[in-house]
Amino acid sequence: METLIKFECVTKQYIASGRGAYKALVNLNLSIGKGELLTIVGPSGAGKTTVLNLIGGIENPSSGKIVLPSLDTQLATGYVFQANTIFPWRTVQRNLTYPLELRGVDRNLRQEKAVQLCEMIGLSPETFLSKYPKELSGGESRRVAIGMALAREASLLLLDEPTSQLDYLTKWSIQNTIQRLWLQKRFTVVLVTHDLEEAIFLGDRVIGLQAGVIACEVRIDLPRPRIDHMRTTKEFGAYREQIVTGNNR
């Protein structure tokens, strides 16, 4: 697989009030393949979101470097943050097309794109485009946030805890939507989660972070498309055990 992003001995240090200097990442070496769906797990403070922020250009490494071997220009990147970042004063349609507004896309084209994006994220355009965020469930809001990230025709999608604080059925539904979109578009996805089941269900490869270093790396060889009953199989359970124990078989 062609390498898209490469971390070379990347360290990220922060200065926190009352805590002093601490390192979120320590000499991290990581390659991410073009078209790969990589999932990253680990406890709070392990450095997961820091990896996303460095890839997205929100932050810079304290030392080391991040290289993009296959591209001469900046990646078109969509970022779905853990916090709900859709605008409460905009309808679903105007949220979905906000990235297009920033680019000066014609209004009629934006309206057409809003319909397409709404369908892509599994919402009915007739029902949802005119709604405001306060009228949406948590799962529907997450879908809109994903749609906003896709509006840029992103070749790289960064997802930070996209299903956190959702019930199991809604979580599974959004996971299936993410998998469907990835199978259709084959963009590169880096997804951060606390949920081992989510990491295994979605990932081509699971990276386990612990205190800013890679504790385990497990390739997931389950067939695609993955379906919900796989979560209860022996193979799925074996992958879970590998990640929990740090066994890189």
Protein backbone atom coordinates (compact mmCIF):
# COMPACT_ATOMS: atom_id res chain seq x y z
CA MET A 1 0.00 0.00 0.00
CA GLU A 2 1.28 3.46 -0.92
CA THR A 3 2.20 5.56 2.12
CA LEU A 4 0.19 8.77 2.44
CA ILE A 5 1.33 10.11 5.84
CA LYS A 6 4.44 9.29 7.82
CA PHE A 7 5.37 10.29 11.37
CA GLU A 8 9.13 10.24 11.90
CA CYS A 9 10.22 10.36 15.57
CA VAL A 10 7.43 12.82 16.39
CA THR A 11 7.27 14.23 19.91
CA LYS A 12 4.61 16.68 21.02
CA GLN A 13 5.11 18.53 24.30
CA TYR A 14 2.62 20.76 26.08
CA ILE A 15 2.93 23.16 28.99
CA ALA A 16 -0.05 22.83 31.34
CA SER A 17 -0.89 25.13 34.22
CA GLY A 18 -0.11 23.38 37.50
CA ARG A 19 1.34 20.39 35.67
CA GLY A 20 4.35 21.79 33.91
CA ALA A 21 5.72 20.27 30.73
CA TYR A 22 4.43 16.89 29.61
CA LYS A 23 4.73 14.88 26.43
CA ALA A 24 1.55 13.76 24.68
CA LEU A 25 3.57 11.84 22.06
CA VAL A 26 7.08 10.47 22.43
CA ASN A 27 9.25 9.65 19.38
CA LEU A 28 6.23 8.35 17.44
CA ASN A 29 6.93 6.48 14.20
CA LEU A 30 3.78 5.71 12.23
CA SER A 31 2.95 5.20 8.55
CA ILE A 32 -0.61 5.57 7.23
CA GLY A 33 -1.43 4.08 3.85
CA LYS A 34 -3.34 5.83 1.08
CA GLY A 35 -6.95 4.59 1.24
CA GLU A 36 -6.43 2.92 4.63
CA LEU A 37 -9.02 2.99 7.41
CA LEU A 38 -6.81 3.27 10.50
CA THR A 39 -8.30 3.25 13.98
CA ILE A 40 -6.48 4.44 17.10
CA VAL A 41 -7.46 3.39 20.63
CA GLY A 42 -6.12 4.16 24.07
CA PRO A 43 -7.09 5.70 27.41
CA SER A 44 -7.67 9.40 27.93
CA GLY A 45 -4.38 11.27 27.68
CA ALA A 46 -2.72 8.62 25.51
CA GLY A 47 -2.17 11.09 22.65
CA LYS A 48 -4.93 10.00 20.28
CA THR A 49 -6.42 13.43 19.52
CA THR A 50 -2.93 14.90 19.32
CA VAL A 51 -2.22 12.56 16.40
CA LEU A 52 -5.31 13.87 14.59
CA ASN A 53 -4.44 17.50 15.30
CA LEU A 54 -0.92 17.01 13.95
CA ILE A 55 -2.19 15.32 10.79
CA GLY A 56 -4.79 18.06 10.29
CA GLY A 57 -2.23 20.83 10.72
CA ILE A 58 -3.96 22.25 13.79
CA GLU A 59 -0.77 21.72 15.78
CA ASN A 60 2.92 21.27 14.93
CA PRO A 61 5.34 18.69 16.35
CA SER A 62 7.74 19.76 19.09
CA SER A 63 10.35 17.58 17.38
CA GLY A 64 10.46 15.09 14.54
CA LYS A 65 8.50 15.56 11.34
CA ILE A 66 5.36 14.50 9.48
CA VAL A 67 5.82 13.87 5.76
CA LEU A 68 3.40 13.32 2.91
CA PRO A 69 5.46 11.23 0.46
CA SER A 70 2.84 10.84 -2.26
CA LEU A 71 1.56 14.42 -2.56
CA ASP A 72 3.09 17.75 -3.59
CA THR A 73 0.15 19.79 -2.32
CA GLN A 74 -1.81 19.99 0.93
CA LEU A 75 -4.30 17.20 1.54
CA ALA A 76 -8.00 18.04 1.24
CA THR A 77 -8.93 17.13 4.81
CA GLY A 78 -12.27 16.79 6.58
CA TYR A 79 -12.18 16.81 10.40
CA VAL A 80 -15.05 15.64 12.62
CA PHE A 81 -14.28 16.88 16.12
CA GLN A 82 -15.36 15.14 19.30
CA ALA A 83 -17.35 18.19 20.38
CA ASN A 84 -20.50 18.99 18.41
CA THR A 85 -19.31 21.59 15.91
CA ILE A 86 -22.40 22.15 13.77
CA PHE A 87 -23.79 25.68 13.89
CA PRO A 88 -27.01 25.93 15.97
CA TRP A 89 -28.30 28.96 14.03
CA ARG A 90 -28.03 27.24 10.63
CA THR A 91 -30.38 24.65 9.15
CA VAL A 92 -29.04 21.22 8.24
CA GLN A 93 -28.81 22.39 4.62
CA ARG A 94 -26.77 25.48 5.49
CA ASN A 95 -24.54 23.46 7.83
CA LEU A 96 -23.83 20.89 5.14
CA THR A 97 -23.00 23.57 2.59
CA TYR A 98 -20.98 25.86 4.87
CA PRO A 99 -17.61 24.60 3.50
CA LEU A 100 -18.94 25.29 -0.01
CA GLU A 101 -19.99 28.81 0.95
CA LEU A 102 -16.44 29.51 2.10
CA ARG A 103 -15.22 28.46 -1.35
CA GLY A 104 -17.73 30.70 -3.12
CA VAL A 105 -19.69 27.86 -4.72
CA ASP A 106 -22.89 28.96 -6.53
CA ARG A 107 -26.06 28.79 -4.42
CA ASN A 108 -27.90 26.41 -6.76
CA LEU A 109 -24.93 24.05 -6.79
CA ARG A 110 -24.81 24.22 -3.00
CA GLN A 111 -28.46 23.23 -2.78
CA GLU A 112 -27.87 20.24 -5.07
CA LYS A 113 -24.86 19.21 -3.02
CA ALA A 114 -26.82 19.46 0.23
CA VAL A 115 -29.31 16.90 -1.08
CA GLN A 116 -26.48 14.57 -2.11
CA LEU A 117 -24.69 14.91 1.22
CA CYS A 118 -27.88 14.35 3.20
CA GLU A 119 -28.49 11.11 1.32
CA MET A 120 -24.86 10.05 1.75
CA ILE A 121 -25.03 10.35 5.54
CA GLY A 122 -28.29 8.40 5.73
CA LEU A 123 -30.80 11.21 6.33
CA SER A 124 -33.86 12.02 4.24
CA PRO A 125 -33.39 15.40 2.50
CA GLU A 126 -37.14 16.07 2.53
CA THR A 127 -37.27 15.56 6.30
CA PHE A 128 -33.98 17.00 7.51
CA LEU A 129 -32.62 19.78 5.29
CA SER A 130 -34.91 22.44 6.77
CA LYS A 131 -34.38 21.37 10.40
CA TYR A 132 -32.20 23.16 12.94
CA PRO A 133 -29.70 21.32 15.18
CA LYS A 134 -31.96 21.68 18.23
CA GLU A 135 -34.47 19.48 16.40
CA LEU A 136 -31.95 16.68 15.82
CA SER A 137 -31.00 13.68 17.94
CA GLY A 138 -27.40 13.15 18.97
CA GLY A 139 -26.88 10.59 16.21
CA GLU A 140 -28.43 12.86 13.58
CA SER A 141 -26.15 15.72 14.64
CA ARG A 142 -23.11 13.45 14.27
CA ARG A 143 -24.23 12.52 10.78
CA VAL A 144 -24.49 16.20 9.83
CA ALA A 145 -20.97 16.81 11.17
CA ILE A 146 -19.69 13.94 9.01
CA GLY A 147 -21.54 15.42 6.01
CA MET A 148 -19.85 18.79 6.56
CA ALA A 149 -16.46 17.07 6.54
CA LEU A 150 -17.34 15.32 3.28
CA ALA A 151 -18.50 18.54 1.61
CA ARG A 152 -14.91 19.46 0.75
CA GLU A 153 -14.49 16.31 -1.36
CA ALA A 154 -11.89 15.33 1.21
CA SER A 155 -9.32 12.69 0.40
CA LEU A 156 -8.48 12.41 4.12
CA LEU A 157 -11.12 12.12 6.85
CA LEU A 158 -10.18 12.59 10.52
CA LEU A 159 -12.76 11.34 13.03
CA ASP A 160 -12.40 12.06 16.76
CA GLU A 161 -14.75 9.83 18.82
CA PRO A 162 -17.54 10.04 16.19
CA THR A 163 -19.95 7.81 18.15
CA SER A 164 -19.18 8.75 21.76
CA GLN A 165 -22.16 9.20 24.12
CA LEU A 166 -24.56 7.49 21.73
CA ASP A 167 -26.68 4.42 22.44
CA TYR A 168 -25.54 1.08 20.98
CA LEU A 169 -28.00 0.92 18.08
CA THR A 170 -27.27 4.50 16.99
CA LYS A 171 -23.54 3.88 17.38
CA TRP A 172 -23.69 0.76 15.23
CA SER A 173 -25.74 2.58 12.59
CA ILE A 174 -23.18 5.39 12.31
CA GLN A 175 -20.32 2.89 12.22
CA ASN A 176 -22.02 1.17 9.29
CA THR A 177 -22.45 4.55 7.58
CA ILE A 178 -18.74 5.33 7.99
CA GLN A 179 -17.83 1.92 6.55
CA ARG A 180 -20.26 2.38 3.61
CA LEU A 181 -18.86 5.82 2.77
CA TRP A 182 -15.29 4.53 2.96
CA LEU A 183 -16.06 1.56 0.70
CA GLN A 184 -17.68 3.93 -1.81
CA LYS A 185 -15.08 6.71 -1.76
CA ARG A 186 -11.90 4.92 -0.65
CA PHE A 187 -10.57 8.04 1.02
CA THR A 188 -8.06 7.68 3.83
CA VAL A 189 -9.66 7.60 7.29
CA VAL A 190 -7.99 8.01 10.68
CA LEU A 191 -10.48 7.39 13.47
CA VAL A 192 -9.83 7.84 17.19
CA THR A 193 -12.01 5.99 19.70
CA HIS A 194 -12.15 4.60 23.24
CA ASP A 195 -14.34 1.79 21.94
CA LEU A 196 -12.36 -1.39 21.13
CA GLU A 197 -15.34 -2.92 19.32
CA GLU A 198 -15.64 0.14 17.08
CA ALA A 199 -11.90 0.10 16.35
CA ILE A 200 -11.98 -3.57 15.31
CA PHE A 201 -15.25 -3.35 13.37
CA LEU A 202 -14.05 -0.42 11.25
CA GLY A 203 -10.29 -0.68 11.11
CA ASP A 204 -7.95 -2.21 8.55
CA ARG A 205 -5.41 -1.77 11.32
CA VAL A 206 -5.72 -0.84 15.00
CA ILE A 207 -3.03 1.18 16.77
CA GLY A 208 -3.07 1.11 20.57
CA LEU A 209 -1.51 4.20 22.18
CA GLN A 210 -0.35 4.31 25.78
CA ALA A 211 1.32 7.41 27.29
CA GLY A 212 2.23 8.74 23.86
CA VAL A 213 3.84 5.59 22.46
CA ILE A 214 2.52 2.71 20.38
CA ALA A 215 1.69 -0.17 22.73
CA CYS A 216 0.30 -2.49 20.05
CA GLU A 217 -0.44 -2.66 16.34
CA VAL A 218 -2.95 -5.23 15.07
CA ARG A 219 -4.02 -5.79 11.47
CA ILE A 220 -7.71 -6.73 11.16
CA ASP A 221 -8.31 -9.35 8.45
CA LEU A 222 -12.10 -9.66 8.76
CA PRO A 223 -13.87 -9.61 5.37
CA ARG A 224 -15.71 -6.52 4.13
CA PRO A 225 -18.32 -5.30 4.19
CA ARG A 226 -18.37 -6.10 7.88
CA ILE A 227 -21.77 -6.83 9.35
CA ASP A 228 -23.01 -6.55 12.91
CA HIS A 229 -23.09 -10.26 13.76
CA MET A 230 -19.28 -10.36 13.32
CA ARG A 231 -19.00 -8.56 16.67
CA THR A 232 -19.96 -11.80 18.46
CA THR A 233 -17.59 -14.17 16.62
CA LYS A 234 -14.49 -15.88 18.04
CA GLU A 235 -12.31 -14.06 15.51
CA PHE A 236 -13.58 -10.69 16.70
CA GLY A 237 -12.99 -11.66 20.31
CA ALA A 238 -9.46 -12.79 19.50
CA TYR A 239 -8.66 -9.38 18.03
CA ARG A 240 -10.03 -7.73 21.16
CA GLU A 241 -7.76 -9.89 23.31
CA GLN A 242 -4.73 -9.04 21.17
CA ILE A 243 -5.30 -5.32 21.62
CA VAL A 244 -6.01 -5.54 25.35
CA THR A 245 -2.93 -7.68 26.02
CA GLY A 246 -0.71 -5.84 23.56
CA ASN A 247 -0.01 -9.06 21.68
CA ASN A 248 1.01 -8.11 18.11
CA ARG A 249 0.52 -11.53 16.56
